[in-house]
Amino acid sequence: MRVLIIGAGVGGLCLAQGLRAADLDVAVHERAAAPTEQLASYGIHLDADGCRALHECLPSATWARLDATAAPARDTLRFHDQHLRPLATRDREPAGPPDPVTRRRAVSRDALREVLLDGLTGAGDATGGGGVVRWAKAYTGYERIAGGRLRAYFADGSHTDGDLLIGADGSNSRVRRQYLPELPRLDLGVANIAGRCPLTPEIADQLPAALVDGSVNNVVPPGPGWMFVSTWGAPEGGRAPTWSGRTSPPGTATPRTSNTWPGRACVNWCWTASAAGLPHCAPWSPPAAPPRSRR
């Protein structure tokens, strides 16, 4: 069986790793031209189920790299009112030593994506040519062909055939749009504003202890809106989650130059509200990255 996956995000790559482990023929098609094209995005927590699934799907060396890249995270969820008074707490911290596989971890999404690309790109080719992942392949549609197979088409005029087509191309999935046209994506009018800043001793001293212990905190005001706040530590010698760039372990190149904080903890926050309820402000874009030196 040949499996075609559209989208080289976290879900598509994890699926590809699992299918390869089961000795299935798999190809991932991604519209980005190279692994470093996509801007860094927000980080995520890996709970016990997520860690268990990754451990089962990934080769042992790739799992070890993920374990070294991720930072420990508390399995504690808190709710506060707008004055940070506690409303509820769910604490699932283990009483004894945490399980080495299922212990909760925090990892930046682009760092996780880098790990999931292990073994899926072509050797010695920065764009992954010849590997499981095919870059610069913007999917446009599919058709059914003889023998019960499928043919996927791409914007560059190419196509490829397979037995199973999987859409892992996000909430605006073109695969879903063609396969289930009666299932439209609805705009709920909700907007998110998110960011991070390095957790310096000065900032830590000004924040309540509950906000800097690695737990997940939700600030719920009486009116519309909601705020998420958490802090992530950085694994020793590794990377810290970033807002507008990516950091790399010491001694390696940083593919993108931006505001990065290697080896430092971060405060992560996200404000969610209806788009109409957000303050109106002038258009804003992040500052341009400084030019890279040429040697």
C-alpha atoms as a PDB file:
ATOM      1  CA  MET A   1       0.000   0.000   0.000  1.00  0.00           C
ATOM      2  CA  ARG A   2       1.219   3.492  -0.868  1.00  0.00           C
ATOM      3  CA  VAL A   3       0.037   6.263   1.467  1.00  0.00           C
ATOM      4  CA  LEU A   4       0.063   9.929   0.405  1.00  0.00           C
ATOM      5  CA  ILE A   5       0.045  12.528   3.189  1.00  0.00           C
ATOM      6  CA  ILE A   6      -0.672  16.175   2.413  1.00  0.00           C
ATOM      7  CA  GLY A   7       1.038  18.466   4.921  1.00  0.00           C
ATOM      8  CA  ALA A   8       4.339  18.176   6.788  1.00  0.00           C
ATOM      9  CA  GLY A   9       3.141  19.583  10.080  1.00  0.00           C
ATOM     10  CA  VAL A  10       3.310  17.834  13.439  1.00  0.00           C
ATOM     11  CA  GLY A  11       0.415  15.473  12.657  1.00  0.00           C
ATOM     12  CA  GLY A  12       1.533  14.543   9.144  1.00  0.00           C
ATOM     13  CA  LEU A  13       5.128  13.886  10.166  1.00  0.00           C
ATOM     14  CA  CYS A  14       4.210  11.810  13.229  1.00  0.00           C
ATOM     15  CA  LEU A  15       1.891   9.730  11.058  1.00  0.00           C
ATOM     16  CA  ALA A  16       4.662   9.276   8.486  1.00  0.00           C
ATOM     17  CA  GLN A  17       7.052   8.061  11.184  1.00  0.00           C
ATOM     18  CA  GLY A  18       4.494   5.542  12.431  1.00  0.00           C
ATOM     19  CA  LEU A  19       3.697   4.253   8.951  1.00  0.00           C
ATOM     20  CA  ARG A  20       7.393   3.864   8.161  1.00  0.00           C
ATOM     21  CA  ALA A  21       7.830   1.885  11.371  1.00  0.00           C
ATOM     22  CA  ALA A  22       5.070  -0.428  10.075  1.00  0.00           C
ATOM     23  CA  ASP A  23       7.013  -0.846   6.783  1.00  0.00           C
ATOM     24  CA  LEU A  24       4.420   0.978   4.673  1.00  0.00           C
ATOM     25  CA  ASP A  25       5.309   3.036   1.612  1.00  0.00           C
ATOM     26  CA  VAL A  26       4.584   6.670   2.499  1.00  0.00           C
ATOM     27  CA  ALA A  27       5.208  10.052   0.893  1.00  0.00           C
ATOM     28  CA  VAL A  28       4.549  13.433   2.508  1.00  0.00           C
ATOM     29  CA  HIS A  29       3.868  16.430   0.259  1.00  0.00           C
ATOM     30  CA  GLU A  30       4.415  19.907   1.735  1.00  0.00           C
ATOM     31  CA  ARG A  31       3.788  23.275   0.073  1.00  0.00           C
ATOM     32  CA  ALA A  32       6.711  25.002   1.835  1.00  0.00           C
ATOM     33  CA  ALA A  33       9.881  25.036  -0.261  1.00  0.00           C
ATOM     34  CA  ALA A  34      12.186  24.014   2.606  1.00  0.00           C
ATOM     35  CA  PRO A  35      12.013  22.932   6.273  1.00  0.00           C
ATOM     36  CA  THR A  36      13.100  26.402   7.445  1.00  0.00           C
ATOM     37  CA  GLU A  37      10.567  28.381   5.420  1.00  0.00           C
ATOM     38  CA  GLN A  38       7.762  28.347   7.964  1.00  0.00           C
ATOM     39  CA  LEU A  39       8.017  30.953  10.725  1.00  0.00           C
ATOM     40  CA  ALA A  40       8.339  29.714  14.279  1.00  0.00           C
ATOM     41  CA  SER A  41       5.016  29.174  15.970  1.00  0.00           C
ATOM     42  CA  TYR A  42       3.661  28.761  19.455  1.00  0.00           C
ATOM     43  CA  GLY A  43       4.812  25.920  21.693  1.00  0.00           C
ATOM     44  CA  ILE A  44       2.832  22.999  23.050  1.00  0.00           C
ATOM     45  CA  HIS A  45       2.674  20.682  26.043  1.00  0.00           C
ATOM     46  CA  LEU A  46       2.940  16.938  25.460  1.00  0.00           C
ATOM     47  CA  ASP A  47       0.750  15.029  27.900  1.00  0.00           C
ATOM     48  CA  ALA A  48       0.994  11.333  28.748  1.00  0.00           C
ATOM     49  CA  ASP A  49      -1.042  10.220  25.730  1.00  0.00           C
ATOM     50  CA  GLY A  50       0.977  12.390  23.347  1.00  0.00           C
ATOM     51  CA  CYS A  51       4.309  11.200  24.742  1.00  0.00           C
ATOM     52  CA  ARG A  52       3.198   7.577  24.628  1.00  0.00           C
ATOM     53  CA  ALA A  53       2.117   7.902  20.990  1.00  0.00           C
ATOM     54  CA  LEU A  54       5.369   9.620  19.977  1.00  0.00           C
ATOM     55  CA  HIS A  55       7.409   6.983  21.808  1.00  0.00           C
ATOM     56  CA  GLU A  56       5.613   4.237  19.878  1.00  0.00           C
ATOM     57  CA  CYS A  57       5.913   5.980  16.486  1.00  0.00           C
ATOM     58  CA  LEU A  58       9.481   7.277  16.599  1.00  0.00           C
ATOM     59  CA  PRO A  59      12.750   5.359  16.235  1.00  0.00           C
ATOM     60  CA  SER A  60      14.643   5.138  19.528  1.00  0.00           C
ATOM     61  CA  ALA A  61      17.302   7.658  18.456  1.00  0.00           C
ATOM     62  CA  THR A  62      14.634  10.178  17.383  1.00  0.00           C
ATOM     63  CA  TRP A  63      12.747   9.724  20.652  1.00  0.00           C
ATOM     64  CA  ALA A  64      15.977  10.339  22.561  1.00  0.00           C
ATOM     65  CA  ARG A  65      16.461  13.574  20.623  1.00  0.00           C
ATOM     66  CA  LEU A  66      12.933  14.691  21.464  1.00  0.00           C
ATOM     67  CA  ASP A  67      13.482  13.862  25.129  1.00  0.00           C
ATOM     68  CA  ALA A  68      16.659  15.984  25.139  1.00  0.00           C
ATOM     69  CA  THR A  69      14.963  18.857  23.279  1.00  0.00           C
ATOM     70  CA  ALA A  70      11.828  19.151  25.415  1.00  0.00           C
ATOM     71  CA  ALA A  71      11.701  20.730  28.849  1.00  0.00           C
ATOM     72  CA  PRO A  72       9.932  19.284  31.913  1.00  0.00           C
ATOM     73  CA  ALA A  73       6.440  20.670  32.529  1.00  0.00           C
ATOM     74  CA  ARG A  74       4.168  20.444  35.556  1.00  0.00           C
ATOM     75  CA  ASP A  75       0.944  18.502  35.150  1.00  0.00           C
ATOM     76  CA  THR A  76      -1.023  21.149  37.025  1.00  0.00           C
ATOM     77  CA  LEU A  77      -3.940  23.152  35.628  1.00  0.00           C
ATOM     78  CA  ARG A  78      -5.186  26.257  37.465  1.00  0.00           C
ATOM     79  CA  PHE A  79      -8.062  28.678  36.927  1.00  0.00           C
ATOM     80  CA  HIS A  80      -8.006  32.226  38.324  1.00  0.00           C
ATOM     81  CA  ASP A  81     -10.344  35.193  38.206  1.00  0.00           C
ATOM     82  CA  GLN A  82      -9.218  38.567  36.836  1.00  0.00           C
ATOM     83  CA  HIS A  83      -7.578  39.367  40.212  1.00  0.00           C
ATOM     84  CA  LEU A  84      -5.636  36.069  40.139  1.00  0.00           C
ATOM     85  CA  ARG A  85      -7.736  34.651  42.942  1.00  0.00           C
ATOM     86  CA  PRO A  86      -7.904  30.841  42.628  1.00  0.00           C
ATOM     87  CA  LEU A  87     -11.094  29.344  41.223  1.00  0.00           C
ATOM     88  CA  ALA A  88     -10.078  25.707  40.678  1.00  0.00           C
ATOM     89  CA  THR A  89      -6.978  23.519  40.479  1.00  0.00           C
ATOM     90  CA  ARG A  90      -6.384  20.122  38.889  1.00  0.00           C
ATOM     91  CA  ASP A  91      -3.080  18.691  40.069  1.00  0.00           C
ATOM     92  CA  ARG A  92      -1.845  15.456  38.478  1.00  0.00           C
ATOM     93  CA  GLU A  93       1.781  15.693  39.502  1.00  0.00           C
ATOM     94  CA  PRO A  94       3.052  12.174  40.281  1.00  0.00           C
ATOM     95  CA  ALA A  95       3.758  11.367  43.908  1.00  0.00           C
ATOM     96  CA  GLY A  96       7.002   9.597  43.049  1.00  0.00           C
ATOM     97  CA  PRO A  97       9.523   9.781  40.215  1.00  0.00           C
ATOM     98  CA  PRO A  98       7.807  10.558  36.889  1.00  0.00           C
ATOM     99  CA  ASP A  99       7.532   7.890  34.217  1.00  0.00           C
ATOM    100  CA  PRO A 100      10.433   8.410  31.746  1.00  0.00           C
ATOM    101  CA  VAL A 101       8.097   8.036  28.767  1.00  0.00           C
ATOM    102  CA  THR A 102       4.807   9.633  29.796  1.00  0.00           C
ATOM    103  CA  ARG A 103       6.077  12.508  31.960  1.00  0.00           C
ATOM    104  CA  ARG A 104       4.693  15.839  30.787  1.00  0.00           C
ATOM    105  CA  ARG A 105       6.957  17.882  28.513  1.00  0.00           C
ATOM    106  CA  ALA A 106       6.970  21.351  26.931  1.00  0.00           C
ATOM    107  CA  VAL A 107       8.444  21.843  23.479  1.00  0.00           C
ATOM    108  CA  SER A 108       8.326  24.551  20.823  1.00  0.00           C
ATOM    109  CA  ARG A 109       6.352  23.463  17.814  1.00  0.00           C
ATOM    110  CA  ASP A 110       9.175  24.079  15.350  1.00  0.00           C
ATOM    111  CA  ALA A 111      11.626  22.100  17.523  1.00  0.00           C
ATOM    112  CA  LEU A 112       9.173  19.186  17.588  1.00  0.00           C
ATOM    113  CA  ARG A 113       8.806  19.439  13.817  1.00  0.00           C
ATOM    114  CA  GLU A 114      12.586  19.287  13.393  1.00  0.00           C
ATOM    115  CA  VAL A 115      12.715  16.102  15.458  1.00  0.00           C
ATOM    116  CA  LEU A 116       9.850  14.535  13.506  1.00  0.00           C
ATOM    117  CA  LEU A 117      11.749  15.178  10.258  1.00  0.00           C
ATOM    118  CA  ASP A 118      14.514  12.805  11.380  1.00  0.00           C
ATOM    119  CA  GLY A 119      14.986  10.148   8.693  1.00  0.00           C
ATOM    120  CA  LEU A 120      12.317  11.630   6.415  1.00  0.00           C
ATOM    121  CA  THR A 121      14.435  14.036   4.357  1.00  0.00           C
ATOM    122  CA  GLY A 122      17.019  13.259   1.703  1.00  0.00           C
ATOM    123  CA  ALA A 123      20.571  12.885   2.974  1.00  0.00           C
ATOM    124  CA  GLY A 124      22.730  15.915   2.231  1.00  0.00           C
ATOM    125  CA  ASP A 125      19.849  17.852   0.681  1.00  0.00           C
ATOM    126  CA  ALA A 126      18.666  20.935   2.594  1.00  0.00           C
ATOM    127  CA  THR A 127      15.285  20.767   0.837  1.00  0.00           C
ATOM    128  CA  GLY A 128      14.773  17.100   1.565  1.00  0.00           C
ATOM    129  CA  GLY A 129      15.023  16.009  -2.073  1.00  0.00           C
ATOM    130  CA  GLY A 130      14.754  12.265  -2.470  1.00  0.00           C
ATOM    131  CA  GLY A 131      13.331  11.682   1.001  1.00  0.00           C
ATOM    132  CA  VAL A 132       9.880  10.811   2.301  1.00  0.00           C
ATOM    133  CA  VAL A 133       8.987  14.519   2.480  1.00  0.00           C
ATOM    134  CA  ARG A 134       8.584  16.268  -0.889  1.00  0.00           C
ATOM    135  CA  TRP A 135       8.953  20.036  -0.528  1.00  0.00           C
ATOM    136  CA  ALA A 136       7.410  22.785  -2.706  1.00  0.00           C
ATOM    137  CA  LYS A 137       4.435  20.550  -3.455  1.00  0.00           C
ATOM    138  CA  ALA A 138       1.310  22.675  -3.098  1.00  0.00           C
ATOM    139  CA  TYR A 139      -1.629  20.280  -3.293  1.00  0.00           C
ATOM    140  CA  THR A 140      -4.499  21.321  -5.594  1.00  0.00           C
ATOM    141  CA  GLY A 141      -6.802  18.294  -5.718  1.00  0.00           C
ATOM    142  CA  TYR A 142      -7.248  14.587  -6.353  1.00  0.00           C
ATOM    143  CA  GLU A 143      -9.180  12.207  -8.572  1.00  0.00           C
ATOM    144  CA  ARG A 144      -9.991   8.512  -8.427  1.00  0.00           C
ATOM    145  CA  ILE A 145      -8.268   6.391 -11.039  1.00  0.00           C
ATOM    146  CA  ALA A 146      -8.374   2.765 -12.174  1.00  0.00           C
ATOM    147  CA  GLY A 147      -7.870   0.003  -9.654  1.00  0.00           C
ATOM    148  CA  GLY A 148      -9.428   1.959  -6.790  1.00  0.00           C
ATOM    149  CA  ARG A 149      -6.346   4.186  -6.536  1.00  0.00           C
ATOM    150  CA  LEU A 150      -6.077   7.949  -6.140  1.00  0.00           C
ATOM    151  CA  ARG A 151      -4.079  10.557  -8.031  1.00  0.00           C
ATOM    152  CA  ALA A 152      -3.010  13.757  -6.244  1.00  0.00           C
ATOM    153  CA  TYR A 153      -2.204  16.892  -8.258  1.00  0.00           C
ATOM    154  CA  PHE A 154       0.127  19.752  -7.347  1.00  0.00           C
ATOM    155  CA  ALA A 155       0.506  23.381  -8.378  1.00  0.00           C
ATOM    156  CA  ASP A 156       3.771  22.724 -10.237  1.00  0.00           C
ATOM    157  CA  GLY A 157       1.914  20.508 -12.720  1.00  0.00           C
ATOM    158  CA  SER A 158       3.106  17.206 -11.249  1.00  0.00           C
ATOM    159  CA  HIS A 159       1.015  14.379  -9.837  1.00  0.00           C
ATOM    160  CA  THR A 160       1.516  11.169  -7.899  1.00  0.00           C
ATOM    161  CA  ASP A 161      -0.576   8.036  -7.363  1.00  0.00           C
ATOM    162  CA  GLY A 162      -1.379   6.173  -4.186  1.00  0.00           C
ATOM    163  CA  ASP A 163      -3.841   3.871  -2.479  1.00  0.00           C
ATOM    164  CA  LEU A 164      -4.756   6.177   0.418  1.00  0.00           C
ATOM    165  CA  LEU A 165      -4.765   9.984   0.594  1.00  0.00           C
ATOM    166  CA  ILE A 166      -4.613  11.639   4.025  1.00  0.00           C
ATOM    167  CA  GLY A 167      -5.223  15.330   4.598  1.00  0.00           C
ATOM    168  CA  ALA A 168      -2.902  16.640   7.325  1.00  0.00           C
ATOM    169  CA  ASP A 169      -3.010  20.164   5.922  1.00  0.00           C
ATOM    170  CA  GLY A 170      -4.638  22.018   8.806  1.00  0.00           C
ATOM    171  CA  SER A 171      -7.997  23.644   9.427  1.00  0.00           C
ATOM    172  CA  ASN A 172      -8.143  25.051   5.878  1.00  0.00           C
ATOM    173  CA  SER A 173      -7.511  21.572   4.459  1.00  0.00           C
ATOM    174  CA  ARG A 174      -7.895  21.380   0.685  1.00  0.00           C
ATOM    175  CA  VAL A 175      -8.263  17.612   0.978  1.00  0.00           C
ATOM    176  CA  ARG A 176     -11.223  18.003   3.325  1.00  0.00           C
ATOM    177  CA  ARG A 177     -12.728  20.730   1.142  1.00  0.00           C
ATOM    178  CA  GLN A 178     -12.894  18.368  -1.846  1.00  0.00           C
ATOM    179  CA  TYR A 179     -13.737  15.163   0.032  1.00  0.00           C
ATOM    180  CA  LEU A 180     -16.382  16.738   2.294  1.00  0.00           C
ATOM    181  CA  PRO A 181     -17.596  19.876   0.503  1.00  0.00           C
ATOM    182  CA  GLU A 182     -20.758  19.910   2.621  1.00  0.00           C
ATOM    183  CA  LEU A 183     -18.646  20.439   5.763  1.00  0.00           C
ATOM    184  CA  PRO A 184     -17.622  24.127   5.649  1.00  0.00           C
ATOM    185  CA  ARG A 185     -15.217  25.766   8.057  1.00  0.00           C
ATOM    186  CA  LEU A 186     -17.074  28.260  10.254  1.00  0.00           C
ATOM    187  CA  ASP A 187     -15.550  31.520  11.478  1.00  0.00           C
ATOM    188  CA  LEU A 188     -16.539  31.863  15.143  1.00  0.00           C
ATOM    189  CA  GLY A 189     -15.268  35.428  15.360  1.00  0.00           C
ATOM    190  CA  VAL A 190     -12.673  34.512  18.005  1.00  0.00           C
ATOM    191  CA  ALA A 191      -9.174  36.006  17.881  1.00  0.00           C
ATOM    192  CA  ASN A 192      -5.975  35.069  19.729  1.00  0.00           C
ATOM    193  CA  ILE A 193      -3.046  37.325  20.592  1.00  0.00           C
ATOM    194  CA  ALA A 194      -0.038  35.376  21.847  1.00  0.00           C
ATOM    195  CA  GLY A 195       3.567  36.013  22.725  1.00  0.00           C
ATOM    196  CA  ARG A 196       6.485  35.201  25.014  1.00  0.00           C
ATOM    197  CA  CYS A 197       9.229  36.971  26.835  1.00  0.00           C
ATOM    198  CA  PRO A 198      12.356  35.654  28.562  1.00  0.00           C
ATOM    199  CA  LEU A 199      11.836  34.899  32.247  1.00  0.00           C
ATOM    200  CA  THR A 200      14.486  37.050  33.853  1.00  0.00           C
ATOM    201  CA  PRO A 201      14.975  37.127  37.647  1.00  0.00           C
ATOM    202  CA  GLU A 202      13.465  40.629  37.674  1.00  0.00           C
ATOM    203  CA  ILE A 203      10.292  39.472  35.936  1.00  0.00           C
ATOM    204  CA  ALA A 204      10.056  36.315  38.062  1.00  0.00           C
ATOM    205  CA  ASP A 205      10.195  38.409  41.252  1.00  0.00           C
ATOM    206  CA  GLN A 206       7.166  40.419  40.106  1.00  0.00           C
ATOM    207  CA  LEU A 207       4.967  37.436  39.213  1.00  0.00           C
ATOM    208  CA  PRO A 208       2.973  35.222  41.603  1.00  0.00           C
ATOM    209  CA  ALA A 209       4.612  31.865  42.273  1.00  0.00           C
ATOM    210  CA  ALA A 210       1.718  30.002  40.610  1.00  0.00           C
ATOM    211  CA  LEU A 211       2.522  31.677  37.282  1.00  0.00           C
ATOM    212  CA  VAL A 212       6.201  30.730  37.191  1.00  0.00           C
ATOM    213  CA  ASP A 213       6.218  27.109  38.419  1.00  0.00           C
ATOM    214  CA  GLY A 214       5.559  25.594  34.984  1.00  0.00           C
ATOM    215  CA  SER A 215       1.866  24.945  35.536  1.00  0.00           C
ATOM    216  CA  VAL A 216      -0.851  25.912  33.063  1.00  0.00           C
ATOM    217  CA  ASN A 217      -2.822  28.941  34.236  1.00  0.00           C
ATOM    218  CA  ASN A 218      -6.127  30.238  32.889  1.00  0.00           C
ATOM    219  CA  VAL A 219      -7.338  33.705  33.824  1.00  0.00           C
ATOM    220  CA  VAL A 220     -11.116  33.867  33.381  1.00  0.00           C
ATOM    221  CA  PRO A 221     -12.761  37.293  33.764  1.00  0.00           C
ATOM    222  CA  PRO A 222     -16.527  37.624  34.327  1.00  0.00           C
ATOM    223  CA  GLY A 223     -17.052  39.041  30.817  1.00  0.00           C
ATOM    224  CA  PRO A 224     -15.940  37.831  27.392  1.00  0.00           C
ATOM    225  CA  GLY A 225     -12.333  36.817  27.018  1.00  0.00           C
ATOM    226  CA  TRP A 226      -9.812  34.404  28.482  1.00  0.00           C
ATOM    227  CA  MET A 227      -6.065  34.453  29.127  1.00  0.00           C
ATOM    228  CA  PHE A 228      -3.515  31.643  29.225  1.00  0.00           C
ATOM    229  CA  VAL A 229      -0.189  32.042  31.070  1.00  0.00           C
ATOM    230  CA  SER A 230       2.583  29.511  31.608  1.00  0.00           C
ATOM    231  CA  THR A 231       6.347  29.385  31.980  1.00  0.00           C
ATOM    232  CA  TRP A 232       8.660  26.913  30.339  1.00  0.00           C
ATOM    233  CA  GLY A 233      12.136  26.058  31.458  1.00  0.00           C
ATOM    234  CA  ALA A 234      14.866  25.329  28.934  1.00  0.00           C
ATOM    235  CA  PRO A 235      16.625  21.953  28.921  1.00  0.00           C
ATOM    236  CA  GLU A 236      20.284  22.304  29.814  1.00  0.00           C
ATOM    237  CA  GLY A 237      22.315  23.076  26.708  1.00  0.00           C
ATOM    238  CA  GLY A 238      19.178  22.973  24.579  1.00  0.00           C
ATOM    239  CA  ARG A 239      16.625  25.416  23.274  1.00  0.00           C
ATOM    240  CA  ALA A 240      13.931  27.536  24.817  1.00  0.00           C
ATOM    241  CA  PRO A 241      10.584  28.156  23.112  1.00  0.00           C
ATOM    242  CA  THR A 242      10.577  31.488  21.274  1.00  0.00           C
ATOM    243  CA  TRP A 243       7.968  33.885  19.940  1.00  0.00           C
ATOM    244  CA  SER A 244       9.465  35.134  16.687  1.00  0.00           C
ATOM    245  CA  GLY A 245      12.346  32.846  15.867  1.00  0.00           C
ATOM    246  CA  ARG A 246      14.064  29.579  16.547  1.00  0.00           C
ATOM    247  CA  THR A 247      17.004  28.765  18.764  1.00  0.00           C
ATOM    248  CA  SER A 248      19.462  25.941  18.297  1.00  0.00           C
ATOM    249  CA  PRO A 249      21.696  23.994  20.671  1.00  0.00           C
ATOM    250  CA  PRO A 250      25.138  25.506  21.234  1.00  0.00           C
ATOM    251  CA  GLY A 251      27.558  24.903  18.381  1.00  0.00           C
ATOM    252  CA  THR A 252      24.909  24.583  15.671  1.00  0.00           C
ATOM    253  CA  ALA A 253      23.676  27.099  13.142  1.00  0.00           C
ATOM    254  CA  THR A 254      20.455  29.025  13.688  1.00  0.00           C
ATOM    255  CA  PRO A 255      18.439  28.792  10.454  1.00  0.00           C
ATOM    256  CA  ARG A 256      16.508  32.005  11.107  1.00  0.00           C
ATOM    257  CA  THR A 257      17.763  35.132  12.811  1.00  0.00           C
ATOM    258  CA  SER A 258      15.269  36.749  15.154  1.00  0.00           C
ATOM    259  CA  ASN A 259      14.589  37.384  18.825  1.00  0.00           C
ATOM    260  CA  THR A 260      15.795  34.105  20.348  1.00  0.00           C
ATOM    261  CA  TRP A 261      16.713  33.168  23.886  1.00  0.00           C
ATOM    262  CA  PRO A 262      18.811  30.004  23.880  1.00  0.00           C
ATOM    263  CA  GLY A 263      18.925  28.100  27.133  1.00  0.00           C
ATOM    264  CA  ARG A 264      16.530  30.464  28.952  1.00  0.00           C
ATOM    265  CA  ALA A 265      13.108  30.022  30.454  1.00  0.00           C
ATOM    266  CA  CYS A 266      10.172  31.907  28.953  1.00  0.00           C
ATOM    267  CA  VAL A 267       6.830  33.340  30.006  1.00  0.00           C
ATOM    268  CA  ASN A 268       4.134  32.315  27.503  1.00  0.00           C
ATOM    269  CA  TRP A 269       0.810  34.113  27.310  1.00  0.00           C
ATOM    270  CA  CYS A 270      -2.243  34.146  25.072  1.00  0.00           C
ATOM    271  CA  TRP A 271      -5.335  36.367  25.201  1.00  0.00           C
ATOM    272  CA  THR A 272      -8.490  35.040  23.536  1.00  0.00           C
ATOM    273  CA  ALA A 273     -11.596  37.103  22.852  1.00  0.00           C
ATOM    274  CA  SER A 274     -14.150  37.834  20.188  1.00  0.00           C
ATOM    275  CA  ALA A 275     -12.619  39.802  17.341  1.00  0.00           C
ATOM    276  CA  ALA A 276     -15.123  42.603  17.960  1.00  0.00           C
ATOM    277  CA  GLY A 277     -14.035  42.820  21.590  1.00  0.00           C
ATOM    278  CA  LEU A 278     -10.354  43.332  20.868  1.00  0.00           C
ATOM    279  CA  PRO A 279      -9.010  46.891  20.945  1.00  0.00           C
ATOM    280  CA  HIS A 280      -8.569  48.500  17.556  1.00  0.00           C
ATOM    281  CA  CYS A 281      -4.993  49.456  16.816  1.00  0.00           C
ATOM    282  CA  ALA A 282      -2.818  50.346  13.849  1.00  0.00           C
ATOM    283  CA  PRO A 283      -1.500  47.486  11.711  1.00  0.00           C
ATOM    284  CA  TRP A 284       1.675  45.954  13.129  1.00  0.00           C
ATOM    285  CA  SER A 285       4.292  43.546  11.850  1.00  0.00           C
ATOM    286  CA  PRO A 286       7.447  42.179  13.524  1.00  0.00           C
ATOM    287  CA  PRO A 287      10.704  43.974  12.803  1.00  0.00           C
ATOM    288  CA  ALA A 288      12.773  42.688   9.928  1.00  0.00           C
ATOM    289  CA  ALA A 289      15.558  40.288  10.880  1.00  0.00           C
ATOM    290  CA  PRO A 290      19.056  41.781  10.693  1.00  0.00           C
ATOM    291  CA  PRO A 291      21.029  40.810   7.582  1.00  0.00           C
ATOM    292  CA  ARG A 292      23.166  37.707   7.893  1.00  0.00           C
ATOM    293  CA  SER A 293      26.892  38.054   7.506  1.00  0.00           C
ATOM    294  CA  ARG A 294      28.469  36.474   4.459  1.00  0.00           C
ATOM    295  CA  ARG A 295      31.735  34.625   4.860  1.00  0.00           C
END
